[in-house]
Amino acid sequence: MEPADLNTVADVCDTTSGTHVVWSAEDVNGNERVYYRRLRSNWSTRRTIAFGEAPSIDCTGNSVAVAGIDKGEFGSRIRVRTSSDGGDTWGLRRRISPLYDDARRPDIEFLGGTAHVVWAVNRPAGFRTYHRSTNDMGVTWSSRAAVPGNGGDPRIDAGGLLHFVDEQ
C-alpha cells in the first residue's frame, strides 16, 4: 500500500478471499472518495468504490460489502456496494437511506449470508439509529427500522447473534 493509504485506513476484514481494506480520502479535485484494496499474496491495485466517507467493510467467504456516507445537495445518505467474487468485481451502489436524511457513520456486518447495516440520523430531537438488511447481496433490502439507541455512532456485531451498540 502507499504510505498515505496506511494513515487513512477506516476498516478491514479477513476471509478466505483475502484481507480487504477500505478508507476514505480526497481525490486530486478535493472530492471525498471511498477506496478499496485486497491483500492475497500481494496488494491489489487501489480501486475507487464510491463517492463518500466513513466506510465500513465486512466479508464472509467470497462476499464483501462496503457501506459509506454519500454527501449530496440534500443531505447525507448511506450507500452500499457489494462483491460476490472476493472484490474482483463490484455491483452497483445502492442507496439504503432516505434522500433527505442527515445520515452518519454506518456499520456493516454479515450474519450468515445476510448483510446488516446500522447508521445514525441527526434529527432536531437528537440522533436516531436505523437498520436494514439484505440476503441477496444488496439487490433487495428490508424496510428501514428504527432500533433502540440515540447516539451518533452505532455499531453492530454479528458473532452468531445480532447486537446493536450505541453511545447513550
N, C-alpha and C. Protein backbone atom coordinates (compact mmCIF):
# COMPACT_ATOMS: atom_id res chain seq x y z
N MET A 1 0.85 -1.18 0.00
CA MET A 1 0.00 0.00 0.00
C MET A 1 0.89 1.23 0.00
N GLU A 2 0.34 2.33 -0.48
CA GLU A 2 1.07 3.57 -0.45
C GLU A 2 1.12 4.11 0.97
N PRO A 3 2.18 4.82 1.37
CA PRO A 3 2.27 5.30 2.75
C PRO A 3 1.06 6.12 3.17
N ALA A 4 0.54 6.97 2.30
CA ALA A 4 -0.63 7.79 2.67
C ALA A 4 -1.84 6.91 2.95
N ASP A 5 -1.97 5.80 2.22
CA ASP A 5 -3.09 4.89 2.43
C ASP A 5 -3.06 4.30 3.84
N LEU A 6 -1.87 3.99 4.33
CA LEU A 6 -1.76 3.36 5.63
C LEU A 6 -2.23 4.28 6.75
N ASN A 7 -2.16 5.58 6.55
CA ASN A 7 -2.57 6.52 7.58
C ASN A 7 -4.07 6.79 7.58
N THR A 8 -4.79 6.29 6.58
CA THR A 8 -6.20 6.62 6.47
C THR A 8 -7.10 5.39 6.44
N VAL A 9 -6.60 4.24 6.88
CA VAL A 9 -7.41 3.02 6.86
C VAL A 9 -8.61 3.21 7.78
N ALA A 10 -9.79 2.92 7.26
CA ALA A 10 -11.01 3.09 8.04
C ALA A 10 -11.52 1.77 8.57
N ASP A 11 -11.42 0.70 7.78
CA ASP A 11 -11.95 -0.58 8.24
C ASP A 11 -11.28 -1.71 7.46
N VAL A 12 -11.26 -2.89 8.07
CA VAL A 12 -10.59 -4.05 7.47
C VAL A 12 -11.35 -5.31 7.84
N CYS A 13 -11.33 -6.31 6.96
CA CYS A 13 -11.88 -7.63 7.28
C CYS A 13 -11.03 -8.69 6.60
N ASP A 14 -11.05 -9.90 7.18
CA ASP A 14 -10.30 -11.04 6.64
C ASP A 14 -11.25 -12.17 6.34
N THR A 15 -10.99 -12.85 5.23
CA THR A 15 -11.75 -14.04 4.87
C THR A 15 -10.88 -14.89 3.96
N THR A 16 -11.41 -16.00 3.50
CA THR A 16 -10.64 -16.88 2.62
C THR A 16 -10.25 -16.19 1.32
N SER A 17 -10.98 -15.14 0.93
CA SER A 17 -10.66 -14.43 -0.31
C SER A 17 -9.58 -13.37 -0.10
N GLY A 18 -9.09 -13.19 1.13
CA GLY A 18 -8.01 -12.26 1.39
C GLY A 18 -8.35 -11.27 2.49
N THR A 19 -7.45 -10.31 2.68
CA THR A 19 -7.65 -9.20 3.61
C THR A 19 -8.16 -8.03 2.80
N HIS A 20 -9.28 -7.47 3.23
CA HIS A 20 -9.95 -6.39 2.49
C HIS A 20 -9.90 -5.11 3.31
N VAL A 21 -9.51 -4.00 2.68
CA VAL A 21 -9.35 -2.73 3.37
C VAL A 21 -10.10 -1.64 2.63
N VAL A 22 -10.82 -0.78 3.36
CA VAL A 22 -11.44 0.41 2.78
C VAL A 22 -11.03 1.63 3.60
N TRP A 23 -10.99 2.78 2.92
CA TRP A 23 -10.69 4.04 3.58
C TRP A 23 -11.25 5.16 2.71
N SER A 24 -11.35 6.34 3.30
CA SER A 24 -11.80 7.50 2.52
C SER A 24 -10.68 8.53 2.52
N ALA A 25 -10.60 9.24 1.41
CA ALA A 25 -9.61 10.30 1.25
C ALA A 25 -10.05 11.20 0.11
N GLU A 26 -9.52 12.41 0.09
CA GLU A 26 -9.83 13.32 -1.01
C GLU A 26 -9.06 12.94 -2.26
N ASP A 27 -9.72 13.06 -3.42
CA ASP A 27 -9.01 12.85 -4.68
C ASP A 27 -8.32 14.16 -5.07
N VAL A 28 -7.70 14.20 -6.23
CA VAL A 28 -6.94 15.39 -6.66
C VAL A 28 -7.83 16.62 -6.84
N ASN A 29 -9.13 16.42 -7.00
CA ASN A 29 -10.06 17.55 -7.15
C ASN A 29 -10.71 17.97 -5.83
N GLY A 30 -10.32 17.34 -4.73
CA GLY A 30 -10.87 17.68 -3.43
C GLY A 30 -12.17 16.98 -3.10
N ASN A 31 -12.58 16.00 -3.92
CA ASN A 31 -13.80 15.23 -3.64
C ASN A 31 -13.47 14.03 -2.77
N GLU A 32 -14.31 13.79 -1.77
CA GLU A 32 -14.11 12.64 -0.89
C GLU A 32 -14.50 11.36 -1.63
N ARG A 33 -13.64 10.35 -1.56
CA ARG A 33 -13.86 9.07 -2.23
C ARG A 33 -13.63 7.92 -1.24
N VAL A 34 -14.26 6.79 -1.51
CA VAL A 34 -14.00 5.57 -0.75
C VAL A 34 -13.15 4.67 -1.63
N TYR A 35 -12.00 4.24 -1.08
CA TYR A 35 -11.06 3.40 -1.80
C TYR A 35 -11.02 2.01 -1.19
N TYR A 36 -10.59 1.04 -2.02
CA TYR A 36 -10.56 -0.36 -1.62
C TYR A 36 -9.29 -1.02 -2.14
N ARG A 37 -8.71 -1.90 -1.31
CA ARG A 37 -7.61 -2.77 -1.74
C ARG A 37 -7.76 -4.11 -1.05
N ARG A 38 -7.23 -5.15 -1.71
CA ARG A 38 -7.27 -6.51 -1.17
C ARG A 38 -5.86 -7.08 -1.16
N LEU A 39 -5.55 -7.81 -0.10
CA LEU A 39 -4.27 -8.50 0.02
C LEU A 39 -4.50 -9.99 -0.08
N ARG A 40 -3.92 -10.59 -1.11
CA ARG A 40 -3.83 -12.05 -1.19
C ARG A 40 -2.36 -12.35 -1.01
N SER A 41 -1.63 -12.62 -2.07
CA SER A 41 -0.18 -12.74 -1.94
C SER A 41 0.47 -11.36 -2.10
N ASN A 42 -0.21 -10.46 -2.82
CA ASN A 42 0.23 -9.08 -2.99
C ASN A 42 -0.99 -8.16 -2.87
N TRP A 43 -0.74 -6.86 -2.68
CA TRP A 43 -1.84 -5.90 -2.64
C TRP A 43 -2.39 -5.67 -4.04
N SER A 44 -3.70 -5.62 -4.15
CA SER A 44 -4.35 -5.30 -5.42
C SER A 44 -4.16 -3.81 -5.71
N THR A 45 -4.47 -3.42 -6.92
CA THR A 45 -4.47 -2.01 -7.28
C THR A 45 -5.57 -1.30 -6.51
N ARG A 46 -5.32 -0.07 -6.11
CA ARG A 46 -6.33 0.71 -5.41
C ARG A 46 -7.50 0.97 -6.34
N ARG A 47 -8.73 0.73 -5.83
CA ARG A 47 -9.95 0.96 -6.61
C ARG A 47 -10.80 2.00 -5.90
N THR A 48 -11.43 2.85 -6.69
CA THR A 48 -12.42 3.76 -6.14
C THR A 48 -13.75 3.02 -6.10
N ILE A 49 -14.31 2.86 -4.91
CA ILE A 49 -15.58 2.14 -4.74
C ILE A 49 -16.75 3.11 -4.86
N ALA A 50 -16.58 4.34 -4.34
CA ALA A 50 -17.72 5.26 -4.32
C ALA A 50 -17.26 6.66 -3.96
N PHE A 51 -18.15 7.62 -4.16
CA PHE A 51 -18.00 8.92 -3.54
C PHE A 51 -18.31 8.72 -2.07
N GLY A 52 -17.74 9.51 -1.20
CA GLY A 52 -18.19 9.45 0.18
C GLY A 52 -17.10 9.33 1.20
N GLU A 53 -17.55 9.00 2.41
CA GLU A 53 -16.63 8.94 3.55
C GLU A 53 -17.14 7.94 4.57
N ALA A 54 -16.37 7.77 5.63
CA ALA A 54 -16.69 6.89 6.76
C ALA A 54 -17.09 5.48 6.34
N PRO A 55 -16.29 4.81 5.50
CA PRO A 55 -16.70 3.48 5.05
C PRO A 55 -16.53 2.41 6.13
N SER A 56 -17.37 1.40 6.01
CA SER A 56 -17.31 0.21 6.85
C SER A 56 -17.32 -0.99 5.90
N ILE A 57 -16.57 -2.04 6.24
CA ILE A 57 -16.49 -3.22 5.39
C ILE A 57 -16.67 -4.47 6.23
N ASP A 58 -17.28 -5.48 5.63
CA ASP A 58 -17.30 -6.80 6.23
C ASP A 58 -17.27 -7.83 5.11
N CYS A 59 -16.85 -9.06 5.45
CA CYS A 59 -16.74 -10.10 4.44
C CYS A 59 -16.97 -11.46 5.06
N THR A 60 -17.44 -12.36 4.22
CA THR A 60 -17.60 -13.76 4.60
C THR A 60 -17.45 -14.58 3.33
N GLY A 61 -16.55 -15.56 3.35
CA GLY A 61 -16.28 -16.31 2.12
C GLY A 61 -15.84 -15.37 1.01
N ASN A 62 -16.49 -15.43 -0.14
CA ASN A 62 -16.18 -14.52 -1.24
C ASN A 62 -17.07 -13.27 -1.25
N SER A 63 -17.96 -13.14 -0.28
CA SER A 63 -18.87 -11.99 -0.22
C SER A 63 -18.21 -10.85 0.55
N VAL A 64 -18.20 -9.66 -0.07
CA VAL A 64 -17.64 -8.46 0.54
C VAL A 64 -18.68 -7.36 0.40
N ALA A 65 -18.89 -6.58 1.46
CA ALA A 65 -19.85 -5.49 1.41
C ALA A 65 -19.25 -4.25 2.06
N VAL A 66 -19.48 -3.10 1.43
CA VAL A 66 -18.97 -1.81 1.93
C VAL A 66 -20.14 -0.85 2.05
N ALA A 67 -20.25 -0.19 3.21
CA ALA A 67 -21.23 0.86 3.42
C ALA A 67 -20.48 2.16 3.67
N GLY A 68 -21.03 3.26 3.18
CA GLY A 68 -20.40 4.55 3.39
C GLY A 68 -21.40 5.69 3.28
N ILE A 69 -20.95 6.88 3.61
CA ILE A 69 -21.78 8.07 3.55
C ILE A 69 -21.53 8.76 2.21
N ASP A 70 -22.61 9.09 1.52
CA ASP A 70 -22.56 9.84 0.27
C ASP A 70 -23.22 11.19 0.54
N LYS A 71 -22.40 12.25 0.61
CA LYS A 71 -22.95 13.57 0.89
C LYS A 71 -23.42 14.20 -0.41
N GLY A 72 -24.61 14.74 -0.37
CA GLY A 72 -25.18 15.38 -1.55
C GLY A 72 -25.80 16.72 -1.21
N GLU A 73 -26.42 17.30 -2.20
CA GLU A 73 -27.03 18.62 -2.05
C GLU A 73 -28.13 18.61 -0.99
N PHE A 74 -28.82 17.48 -0.82
CA PHE A 74 -29.97 17.42 0.08
C PHE A 74 -29.70 16.65 1.36
N GLY A 75 -28.46 16.44 1.72
CA GLY A 75 -28.13 15.73 2.95
C GLY A 75 -27.19 14.58 2.69
N SER A 76 -26.93 13.82 3.73
CA SER A 76 -26.04 12.67 3.65
C SER A 76 -26.87 11.40 3.67
N ARG A 77 -26.52 10.47 2.81
CA ARG A 77 -27.27 9.22 2.74
C ARG A 77 -26.29 8.04 2.76
N ILE A 78 -26.81 6.88 3.13
CA ILE A 78 -25.99 5.68 3.21
C ILE A 78 -26.12 4.92 1.89
N ARG A 79 -24.96 4.55 1.35
CA ARG A 79 -24.92 3.73 0.15
C ARG A 79 -24.10 2.48 0.46
N VAL A 80 -24.49 1.38 -0.20
CA VAL A 80 -23.80 0.10 -0.01
C VAL A 80 -23.40 -0.44 -1.38
N ARG A 81 -22.23 -1.04 -1.42
CA ARG A 81 -21.76 -1.70 -2.64
C ARG A 81 -21.25 -3.08 -2.25
N THR A 82 -21.54 -4.08 -3.07
CA THR A 82 -21.18 -5.46 -2.73
C THR A 82 -20.40 -6.14 -3.85
N SER A 83 -19.65 -7.16 -3.44
CA SER A 83 -18.92 -8.02 -4.37
C SER A 83 -19.18 -9.47 -3.95
N SER A 84 -19.48 -10.32 -4.90
CA SER A 84 -19.68 -11.74 -4.58
C SER A 84 -18.51 -12.61 -5.05
N ASP A 85 -17.44 -11.96 -5.53
CA ASP A 85 -16.28 -12.71 -6.01
C ASP A 85 -14.98 -12.26 -5.33
N GLY A 86 -15.07 -11.92 -4.05
CA GLY A 86 -13.87 -11.58 -3.28
C GLY A 86 -13.27 -10.23 -3.62
N GLY A 87 -14.06 -9.33 -4.20
CA GLY A 87 -13.57 -7.99 -4.51
C GLY A 87 -13.03 -7.81 -5.92
N ASP A 88 -13.13 -8.85 -6.76
CA ASP A 88 -12.68 -8.70 -8.15
C ASP A 88 -13.58 -7.75 -8.92
N THR A 89 -14.90 -7.89 -8.75
CA THR A 89 -15.86 -7.01 -9.40
C THR A 89 -16.86 -6.54 -8.35
N TRP A 90 -17.52 -5.40 -8.62
CA TRP A 90 -18.43 -4.80 -7.66
C TRP A 90 -19.76 -4.48 -8.33
N GLY A 91 -20.84 -4.68 -7.56
CA GLY A 91 -22.18 -4.33 -8.03
C GLY A 91 -22.39 -2.82 -7.97
N LEU A 92 -23.60 -2.42 -8.31
CA LEU A 92 -23.96 -1.01 -8.28
C LEU A 92 -24.02 -0.48 -6.86
N ARG A 93 -23.79 0.83 -6.71
CA ARG A 93 -24.00 1.46 -5.41
C ARG A 93 -25.50 1.54 -5.17
N ARG A 94 -25.94 1.12 -4.00
CA ARG A 94 -27.37 1.14 -3.65
C ARG A 94 -27.58 2.10 -2.49
N ARG A 95 -28.50 3.04 -2.66
CA ARG A 95 -28.86 3.96 -1.57
C ARG A 95 -29.86 3.24 -0.69
N ILE A 96 -29.56 3.15 0.62
CA ILE A 96 -30.46 2.44 1.53
C ILE A 96 -31.10 3.36 2.56
N SER A 97 -30.73 4.63 2.58
CA SER A 97 -31.35 5.58 3.49
C SER A 97 -32.09 6.63 2.66
N PRO A 98 -33.08 7.30 3.27
CA PRO A 98 -33.84 8.30 2.52
C PRO A 98 -32.95 9.43 2.00
N LEU A 99 -33.39 10.02 0.93
CA LEU A 99 -32.62 11.06 0.24
C LEU A 99 -32.32 12.26 1.13
N TYR A 100 -33.27 12.68 1.96
CA TYR A 100 -33.10 13.92 2.71
C TYR A 100 -32.59 13.72 4.13
N ASP A 101 -32.14 12.55 4.49
CA ASP A 101 -31.60 12.31 5.83
C ASP A 101 -30.25 12.97 6.01
N ASP A 102 -29.90 13.18 7.26
CA ASP A 102 -28.55 13.59 7.63
C ASP A 102 -27.89 12.36 8.26
N ALA A 103 -27.59 11.36 7.40
CA ALA A 103 -27.09 10.07 7.85
C ALA A 103 -25.64 10.18 8.31
N ARG A 104 -25.30 9.39 9.32
CA ARG A 104 -23.96 9.40 9.89
C ARG A 104 -23.44 7.99 10.12
N ARG A 105 -22.16 7.80 10.00
CA ARG A 105 -21.35 6.67 10.43
C ARG A 105 -21.99 5.28 10.34
N PRO A 106 -22.10 4.73 9.13
CA PRO A 106 -22.67 3.38 9.00
C PRO A 106 -21.71 2.30 9.51
N ASP A 107 -22.29 1.18 9.84
CA ASP A 107 -21.51 -0.02 10.17
C ASP A 107 -22.20 -1.19 9.49
N ILE A 108 -21.42 -2.10 8.90
CA ILE A 108 -21.98 -3.24 8.17
C ILE A 108 -21.36 -4.52 8.70
N GLU A 109 -22.18 -5.57 8.84
CA GLU A 109 -21.71 -6.87 9.31
C GLU A 109 -22.54 -7.97 8.65
N PHE A 110 -21.89 -9.08 8.35
CA PHE A 110 -22.58 -10.28 7.87
C PHE A 110 -22.95 -11.16 9.05
N LEU A 111 -24.13 -11.73 9.00
CA LEU A 111 -24.55 -12.80 9.90
C LEU A 111 -25.07 -13.88 8.98
N GLY A 112 -24.29 -14.96 8.85
CA GLY A 112 -24.60 -15.95 7.82
C GLY A 112 -24.47 -15.30 6.46
N GLY A 113 -25.46 -15.48 5.62
CA GLY A 113 -25.43 -14.86 4.29
C GLY A 113 -26.15 -13.53 4.23
N THR A 114 -26.52 -12.97 5.38
CA THR A 114 -27.26 -11.71 5.40
C THR A 114 -26.35 -10.58 5.86
N ALA A 115 -26.32 -9.49 5.09
CA ALA A 115 -25.57 -8.29 5.47
C ALA A 115 -26.51 -7.34 6.20
N HIS A 116 -26.07 -6.86 7.36
CA HIS A 116 -26.84 -5.93 8.19
C HIS A 116 -26.11 -4.60 8.24
N VAL A 117 -26.86 -3.49 8.13
CA VAL A 117 -26.29 -2.16 8.21
C VAL A 117 -27.04 -1.36 9.26
N VAL A 118 -26.29 -0.65 10.12
CA VAL A 118 -26.87 0.32 11.04
C VAL A 118 -26.22 1.68 10.77
N TRP A 119 -26.98 2.73 11.03
CA TRP A 119 -26.46 4.08 10.90
C TRP A 119 -27.29 5.01 11.76
N ALA A 120 -26.74 6.19 12.02
CA ALA A 120 -27.43 7.20 12.81
C ALA A 120 -27.91 8.31 11.89
N VAL A 121 -29.02 8.94 12.29
CA VAL A 121 -29.54 10.10 11.57
C VAL A 121 -29.70 11.22 12.59
N ASN A 122 -29.17 12.38 12.26
CA ASN A 122 -29.26 13.54 13.14
C ASN A 122 -30.62 14.20 12.95
N ARG A 123 -31.44 14.18 13.99
CA ARG A 123 -32.77 14.78 13.98
C ARG A 123 -32.78 15.97 14.95
N PRO A 124 -33.72 16.89 14.82
CA PRO A 124 -33.79 18.02 15.76
C PRO A 124 -33.86 17.58 17.22
N ALA A 125 -34.51 16.46 17.49
CA ALA A 125 -34.64 15.98 18.87
C ALA A 125 -33.47 15.08 19.28
N GLY A 126 -32.48 14.89 18.42
CA GLY A 126 -31.33 14.03 18.72
C GLY A 126 -31.17 12.96 17.67
N PHE A 127 -30.21 12.10 17.89
CA PHE A 127 -29.91 11.04 16.92
C PHE A 127 -30.91 9.90 17.03
N ARG A 128 -31.21 9.29 15.88
CA ARG A 128 -31.98 8.04 15.79
C ARG A 128 -31.11 7.02 15.09
N THR A 129 -31.23 5.77 15.47
CA THR A 129 -30.45 4.69 14.86
C THR A 129 -31.39 3.83 14.02
N TYR A 130 -30.93 3.47 12.81
CA TYR A 130 -31.74 2.68 11.88
C TYR A 130 -30.97 1.44 11.42
N HIS A 131 -31.74 0.44 10.95
CA HIS A 131 -31.18 -0.83 10.50
C HIS A 131 -31.89 -1.27 9.22
N ARG A 132 -31.10 -1.84 8.30
CA ARG A 132 -31.64 -2.53 7.12
C ARG A 132 -30.76 -3.75 6.87
N SER A 133 -31.31 -4.74 6.17
CA SER A 133 -30.54 -5.95 5.87
C SER A 133 -30.88 -6.45 4.47
N THR A 134 -29.96 -7.25 3.93
CA THR A 134 -30.15 -7.87 2.62
C THR A 134 -29.59 -9.29 2.67
N ASN A 135 -30.31 -10.22 2.06
CA ASN A 135 -29.79 -11.59 1.98
C ASN A 135 -29.47 -11.98 0.54
N ASP A 136 -29.47 -10.99 -0.37
CA ASP A 136 -29.13 -11.25 -1.78
C ASP A 136 -28.07 -10.28 -2.30
N MET A 137 -27.14 -9.94 -1.43
CA MET A 137 -26.01 -9.08 -1.79
C MET A 137 -26.44 -7.70 -2.30
N GLY A 138 -27.49 -7.16 -1.72
CA GLY A 138 -27.87 -5.78 -2.00
C GLY A 138 -28.88 -5.57 -3.09
N VAL A 139 -29.38 -6.63 -3.70
CA VAL A 139 -30.39 -6.46 -4.75
C VAL A 139 -31.69 -5.95 -4.13
N THR A 140 -32.11 -6.58 -3.03
CA THR A 140 -33.29 -6.13 -2.30
C THR A 140 -32.90 -5.92 -0.83
N TRP A 141 -33.63 -5.03 -0.17
CA TRP A 141 -33.34 -4.67 1.21
C TRP A 141 -34.61 -4.74 2.05
N SER A 142 -34.44 -5.06 3.33
CA SER A 142 -35.56 -4.99 4.27
C SER A 142 -35.99 -3.53 4.41
N SER A 143 -37.15 -3.32 4.97
CA SER A 143 -37.60 -1.96 5.26
C SER A 143 -36.70 -1.36 6.33
N ARG A 144 -36.56 -0.06 6.29
CA ARG A 144 -35.78 0.64 7.31
C ARG A 144 -36.52 0.54 8.64
N ALA A 145 -35.80 0.15 9.69
CA ALA A 145 -36.40 0.00 11.01
C ALA A 145 -35.60 0.80 12.03
N ALA A 146 -36.28 1.56 12.86
CA ALA A 146 -35.63 2.25 13.98
C ALA A 146 -35.27 1.21 15.03
N VAL A 147 -34.09 1.34 15.61
CA VAL A 147 -33.67 0.43 16.68
C VAL A 147 -33.33 1.27 17.90
N PRO A 148 -33.34 0.66 19.10
CA PRO A 148 -33.01 1.43 20.31
C PRO A 148 -31.63 2.05 20.20
N GLY A 149 -31.51 3.22 20.73
CA GLY A 149 -30.23 3.94 20.73
C GLY A 149 -30.43 5.33 20.19
N ASN A 150 -29.72 6.27 20.76
CA ASN A 150 -29.86 7.64 20.28
C ASN A 150 -28.52 8.35 20.21
N GLY A 151 -27.45 7.59 20.06
CA GLY A 151 -26.14 8.19 19.90
C GLY A 151 -25.81 8.36 18.44
N GLY A 152 -24.72 9.01 18.15
CA GLY A 152 -24.36 9.29 16.78
C GLY A 152 -23.38 8.33 16.16
N ASP A 153 -23.08 7.22 16.85
CA ASP A 153 -22.06 6.30 16.33
C ASP A 153 -22.45 4.85 16.60
N PRO A 154 -23.53 4.35 15.96
CA PRO A 154 -23.97 2.98 16.22
C PRO A 154 -22.99 1.96 15.65
N ARG A 155 -22.85 0.84 16.33
CA ARG A 155 -22.01 -0.27 15.88
C ARG A 155 -22.86 -1.53 15.91
N ILE A 156 -22.47 -2.49 15.10
CA ILE A 156 -23.20 -3.74 15.02
C ILE A 156 -22.19 -4.88 15.12
N ASP A 157 -22.58 -5.97 15.78
CA ASP A 157 -21.74 -7.15 15.86
C ASP A 157 -22.61 -8.36 15.55
N ALA A 158 -22.12 -9.21 14.69
CA ALA A 158 -22.91 -10.37 14.27
C ALA A 158 -22.14 -11.65 14.54
N GLY A 159 -21.66 -11.81 15.77
CA GLY A 159 -20.91 -13.01 16.14
C GLY A 159 -21.83 -14.16 16.49
N GLY A 160 -22.78 -14.49 15.63
CA GLY A 160 -23.73 -15.55 15.89
C GLY A 160 -25.10 -15.01 16.28
N LEU A 161 -25.12 -13.86 16.93
CA LEU A 161 -26.35 -13.13 17.24
C LEU A 161 -26.15 -11.69 16.79
N LEU A 162 -27.22 -11.01 16.52
CA LEU A 162 -27.15 -9.62 16.09
C LEU A 162 -27.21 -8.72 17.31
N HIS A 163 -26.17 -7.90 17.53
CA HIS A 163 -26.11 -6.98 18.66
C HIS A 163 -25.96 -5.55 18.12
N PHE A 164 -26.74 -4.64 18.65
CA PHE A 164 -26.60 -3.22 18.31
C PHE A 164 -26.01 -2.51 19.53
N VAL A 165 -24.99 -1.70 19.33
CA VAL A 165 -24.38 -0.95 20.41
C VAL A 165 -24.33 0.51 19.98
N ASP A 166 -24.69 1.40 20.88
CA ASP A 166 -24.68 2.83 20.58
C ASP A 166 -24.31 3.59 21.83
N GLU A 167 -23.76 4.77 21.64
CA GLU A 167 -23.47 5.61 22.80
C GLU A 167 -24.77 6.19 23.34
N GLN A 168 -24.86 6.38 24.61
CA GLN A 168 -26.08 6.95 25.21
C GLN A 168 -25.73 8.23 25.91
